[in-house]
Amino acid sequence: MAFHSCFAVVVVAMLTQTGHSQDVQTGQCCGSCVSGPQGSPGLPGNNGVPGNNGLPGRDGVKGDRGVQGPPGEKGETGTLARWKVKQCVWNNLYNDADSGKIVDCQFNKVSSTTALRLTWNGDLRYTGSSAGCMRWFFTVNGEECGNPAPIDGVVYTPGVNIHRVSTIDGLCYNLPAGPLTVALNVGTCADGTNGGNAFTGANSYSRMILEELDMAD
């Protein structure tokens, strides 16, 4: 017992003389204490809360043009467009009318966006006691063509009785789709020149040809 008491007194005396002390609360050395050995690593912490999405980024630089793809499959063979054409023919009309309708031809127009070509071919004649003029012209459903202009032809003579084969031809636009009555008419000339005796279709065939045309191109 005497030995242990003496040893404790020596230790306390040595700590007091060298100024070595230890903080009771923190366990850290004060002054010139010697550090103890490093402790074991702690346990990994928990994952943090995911952050909010960031702002959208700016558009990137335009990429290079890609490689051309292989040719596509061959398409099916198309069908040729059919032009709608009608011809009305008269033999030896011998029409002596000086005004009004001479003949007409019915036509069923497919589209409102197409043009209609109107053609007359046949004998025309004017005669009289003096010089004069007669006019032959087309109408569609009773009206002359307004787009782009009337389709007509005139015969002007000093009164000589001469029969001539004549052709009147033109395009008419903005006609509706559906059934149309196309007529050849006769009357005096628009400039007011005196008229006389008109004659249409003597001793020959006369014909009216109607053709619907797609003018998109």
Protein backbone atom coordinates (compact mmCIF):
# COMPACT_ATOMS: atom_id res chain seq x y z
CA MET A 1 0.00 0.00 0.00
CA ALA A 2 2.79 2.40 0.75
CA PHE A 3 4.36 1.78 -2.71
CA HIS A 4 1.17 2.59 -4.71
CA SER A 5 0.55 5.80 -2.77
CA CYS A 6 4.09 6.93 -3.36
CA PHE A 7 3.80 6.26 -7.19
CA ALA A 8 0.59 8.28 -7.50
CA VAL A 9 2.21 11.23 -5.75
CA VAL A 10 5.16 11.11 -8.15
CA VAL A 11 2.89 11.11 -11.27
CA VAL A 12 0.85 14.06 -10.02
CA ALA A 13 4.00 15.93 -9.18
CA MET A 14 5.45 15.31 -12.67
CA LEU A 15 2.29 16.62 -14.42
CA THR A 16 2.31 19.68 -12.23
CA GLN A 17 5.97 20.44 -12.85
CA THR A 18 5.92 20.00 -16.72
CA GLY A 19 2.63 21.90 -17.26
CA HIS A 20 0.99 18.98 -19.20
CA SER A 21 -2.78 18.90 -18.85
CA GLN A 22 -5.82 17.54 -20.72
CA ASP A 23 -9.19 19.17 -21.28
CA VAL A 24 -11.70 17.01 -19.47
CA GLN A 25 -14.67 18.03 -21.69
CA THR A 26 -13.08 17.75 -25.16
CA GLY A 27 -10.41 15.16 -24.50
CA GLN A 28 -7.88 17.28 -26.47
CA CYS A 29 -4.36 17.87 -25.25
CA CYS A 30 -3.38 21.34 -24.10
CA GLY A 31 0.14 22.55 -24.25
CA SER A 32 2.60 19.91 -25.48
CA CYS A 33 0.50 16.77 -25.10
CA VAL A 34 1.29 13.90 -27.45
CA SER A 35 -1.56 12.89 -29.91
CA GLY A 36 -2.92 9.42 -29.63
CA PRO A 37 -3.26 6.92 -32.53
CA GLN A 38 -5.76 7.70 -35.45
CA GLY A 39 -9.18 6.23 -34.95
CA SER A 40 -11.00 3.93 -37.39
CA PRO A 41 -12.87 5.58 -40.40
CA GLY A 42 -16.50 6.46 -39.72
CA LEU A 43 -19.48 4.88 -41.47
CA PRO A 44 -20.53 6.31 -44.94
CA GLY A 45 -23.21 9.03 -44.72
CA ASN A 46 -26.66 8.83 -46.32
CA ASN A 47 -27.27 10.10 -49.90
CA GLY A 48 -28.34 13.74 -50.14
CA VAL A 49 -31.73 14.94 -51.47
CA PRO A 50 -31.80 15.16 -55.35
CA GLY A 51 -31.42 18.73 -56.64
CA ASN A 52 -33.89 20.57 -58.94
CA ASN A 53 -33.65 20.27 -62.74
CA GLY A 54 -31.37 22.83 -64.34
CA LEU A 55 -32.42 25.39 -66.98
CA PRO A 56 -32.74 24.11 -70.58
CA GLY A 57 -29.49 24.38 -72.51
CA ARG A 58 -29.06 26.39 -75.73
CA ASP A 59 -29.35 24.82 -79.19
CA GLY A 60 -26.22 23.12 -80.32
CA VAL A 61 -24.35 23.80 -83.54
CA LYS A 62 -26.04 22.49 -86.70
CA GLY A 63 -24.68 19.08 -87.58
CA ASP A 64 -23.21 18.01 -90.89
CA ARG A 65 -25.46 16.77 -93.67
CA GLY A 66 -26.12 13.07 -93.42
CA VAL A 67 -25.34 10.47 -96.03
CA GLN A 68 -27.86 10.23 -98.87
CA GLY A 69 -30.27 7.37 -98.43
CA PRO A 70 -30.82 4.61 -100.98
CA PRO A 71 -33.24 5.14 -103.90
CA GLY A 72 -36.90 4.43 -103.17
CA GLU A 73 -38.90 1.65 -104.73
CA LYS A 74 -40.16 2.10 -108.27
CA GLY A 75 -43.71 3.42 -108.34
CA GLU A 76 -46.61 1.91 -110.21
CA THR A 77 -47.12 2.77 -113.85
CA GLY A 78 -49.37 5.80 -114.21
CA THR A 79 -52.25 6.20 -116.61
CA LEU A 80 -52.26 8.77 -119.38
CA ALA A 81 -54.67 11.64 -118.91
CA ARG A 82 -57.57 11.46 -121.32
CA TRP A 83 -58.48 14.69 -123.06
CA LYS A 84 -62.21 15.17 -123.28
CA VAL A 85 -63.11 15.95 -126.88
CA LYS A 86 -66.43 15.95 -128.68
CA GLN A 87 -67.30 16.57 -132.32
CA CYS A 88 -70.72 17.34 -133.75
CA VAL A 89 -71.08 17.02 -137.54
CA TRP A 90 -73.79 18.18 -139.95
CA ASN A 91 -74.14 17.39 -143.62
CA ASN A 92 -75.56 20.00 -145.98
CA LEU A 93 -76.97 22.33 -143.38
CA TYR A 94 -78.22 24.81 -145.98
CA ASN A 95 -79.08 27.19 -143.16
CA ASP A 96 -80.30 30.53 -144.50
CA ALA A 97 -80.70 32.28 -141.11
CA ASP A 98 -79.48 35.90 -140.89
CA SER A 99 -79.69 36.10 -137.09
CA GLY A 100 -79.86 33.83 -134.07
CA LYS A 101 -78.74 30.25 -133.49
CA ILE A 102 -77.71 28.04 -136.38
CA VAL A 103 -76.70 24.78 -134.63
CA ASP A 104 -75.68 23.66 -131.15
CA CYS A 105 -73.64 20.85 -129.57
CA GLN A 106 -74.00 19.51 -126.01
CA PHE A 107 -70.87 19.08 -123.89
CA ASN A 108 -70.38 17.80 -120.32
CA LYS A 109 -67.44 19.72 -118.80
CA VAL A 110 -65.52 17.79 -116.12
CA SER A 111 -63.84 20.60 -114.17
CA SER A 112 -64.47 24.27 -113.46
CA THR A 113 -60.72 25.02 -113.61
CA THR A 114 -60.17 23.87 -117.21
CA ALA A 115 -60.52 25.80 -120.46
CA LEU A 116 -62.88 24.91 -123.30
CA ARG A 117 -61.64 25.12 -126.86
CA LEU A 118 -64.36 25.91 -129.39
CA THR A 119 -63.80 25.24 -133.09
CA TRP A 120 -66.08 25.65 -136.09
CA ASN A 121 -65.17 24.48 -139.58
CA GLY A 122 -67.59 24.78 -142.48
CA ASP A 123 -68.99 26.84 -145.32
CA LEU A 124 -69.95 30.49 -144.67
CA ARG A 125 -71.35 33.02 -147.13
CA TYR A 126 -72.68 36.57 -147.24
CA THR A 127 -74.32 38.28 -150.21
CA GLY A 128 -76.45 41.36 -150.79
CA SER A 129 -77.27 44.20 -153.13
CA SER A 130 -74.41 46.22 -151.71
CA ALA A 131 -71.29 45.77 -149.61
CA GLY A 132 -71.96 44.40 -146.14
CA CYS A 133 -70.74 42.29 -143.24
CA MET A 134 -72.10 39.34 -141.29
CA ARG A 135 -70.70 37.86 -138.09
CA TRP A 136 -70.69 34.23 -136.88
CA PHE A 137 -69.98 33.68 -133.17
CA PHE A 138 -70.07 31.10 -130.38
CA THR A 139 -72.25 31.16 -127.27
CA VAL A 140 -72.08 28.89 -124.22
CA ASN A 141 -75.41 28.48 -122.40
CA GLY A 142 -76.70 31.50 -124.31
CA GLU A 143 -73.79 33.85 -123.47
CA GLU A 144 -70.75 34.83 -125.50
CA CYS A 145 -67.40 33.95 -124.00
CA GLY A 146 -66.23 36.70 -121.65
CA ASN A 147 -62.80 35.36 -120.66
CA PRO A 148 -60.66 36.30 -122.38
CA ALA A 149 -62.90 37.49 -125.26
CA PRO A 150 -65.71 36.50 -127.64
CA ILE A 151 -64.90 33.84 -130.23
CA ASP A 152 -66.13 34.92 -133.64
CA GLY A 153 -65.42 35.42 -137.34
CA VAL A 154 -66.82 37.75 -140.01
CA VAL A 155 -67.40 37.72 -143.74
CA TYR A 156 -67.24 41.08 -145.50
CA THR A 157 -67.89 41.32 -149.24
CA PRO A 158 -69.09 43.93 -151.76
CA GLY A 159 -72.18 41.79 -152.29
CA VAL A 160 -70.59 39.00 -154.35
CA ASN A 161 -72.11 35.56 -153.72
CA ILE A 162 -69.01 33.51 -152.85
CA HIS A 163 -69.02 30.45 -150.54
CA ARG A 164 -65.86 29.88 -148.51
CA VAL A 165 -64.78 27.23 -146.03
CA SER A 166 -64.05 29.09 -142.79
CA THR A 167 -62.61 28.15 -139.40
CA ILE A 168 -63.49 29.92 -136.14
CA ASP A 169 -61.39 28.84 -133.17
CA GLY A 170 -60.61 30.00 -129.61
CA LEU A 171 -60.33 29.20 -125.89
CA CYS A 172 -62.88 30.16 -123.25
CA TYR A 173 -62.07 30.23 -119.50
CA ASN A 174 -64.09 30.32 -116.26
CA LEU A 175 -66.84 28.06 -117.52
CA PRO A 176 -68.58 25.91 -114.88
CA ALA A 177 -68.38 22.15 -114.73
CA GLY A 178 -71.40 20.20 -115.90
CA PRO A 179 -73.61 20.21 -119.01
CA LEU A 180 -73.01 23.05 -121.48
CA THR A 181 -74.86 24.02 -124.65
CA VAL A 182 -72.40 25.41 -127.20
CA ALA A 183 -74.03 27.12 -130.17
CA LEU A 184 -72.92 28.77 -133.41
CA ASN A 185 -74.88 31.96 -134.08
CA VAL A 186 -75.05 34.58 -136.80
CA GLY A 187 -75.80 38.30 -136.79
CA THR A 188 -74.66 41.69 -138.05
CA CYS A 189 -71.11 42.89 -137.44
CA ALA A 190 -70.32 44.83 -134.28
CA ASP A 191 -69.19 47.99 -136.16
CA GLY A 192 -72.68 48.59 -137.49
CA THR A 193 -71.91 47.76 -141.12
CA ASN A 194 -75.04 46.87 -143.05
CA GLY A 195 -75.87 43.20 -143.07
CA GLY A 196 -77.41 41.11 -145.78
CA ASN A 197 -78.15 37.53 -146.68
CA ALA A 198 -76.08 35.03 -144.71
CA PHE A 199 -75.80 31.35 -145.53
CA THR A 200 -74.18 28.53 -143.54
CA GLY A 201 -73.19 24.97 -144.54
CA ALA A 202 -73.95 24.77 -148.22
CA ASN A 203 -73.27 21.50 -150.06
CA SER A 204 -70.68 20.24 -147.55
CA TYR A 205 -70.05 18.85 -144.08
CA SER A 206 -69.82 21.28 -141.21
CA ARG A 207 -68.42 20.44 -137.78
CA MET A 208 -68.08 21.83 -134.28
CA ILE A 209 -65.21 20.46 -132.15
CA LEU A 210 -65.23 20.99 -128.39
CA GLU A 211 -62.14 20.17 -126.32
CA GLU A 212 -61.62 20.51 -122.57
CA LEU A 213 -58.01 21.46 -121.74
CA ASP A 214 -56.07 21.56 -118.49
CA MET A 215 -54.17 24.86 -118.66
CA ALA A 216 -52.33 24.50 -115.31
CA ASP A 217 -48.92 24.20 -117.00
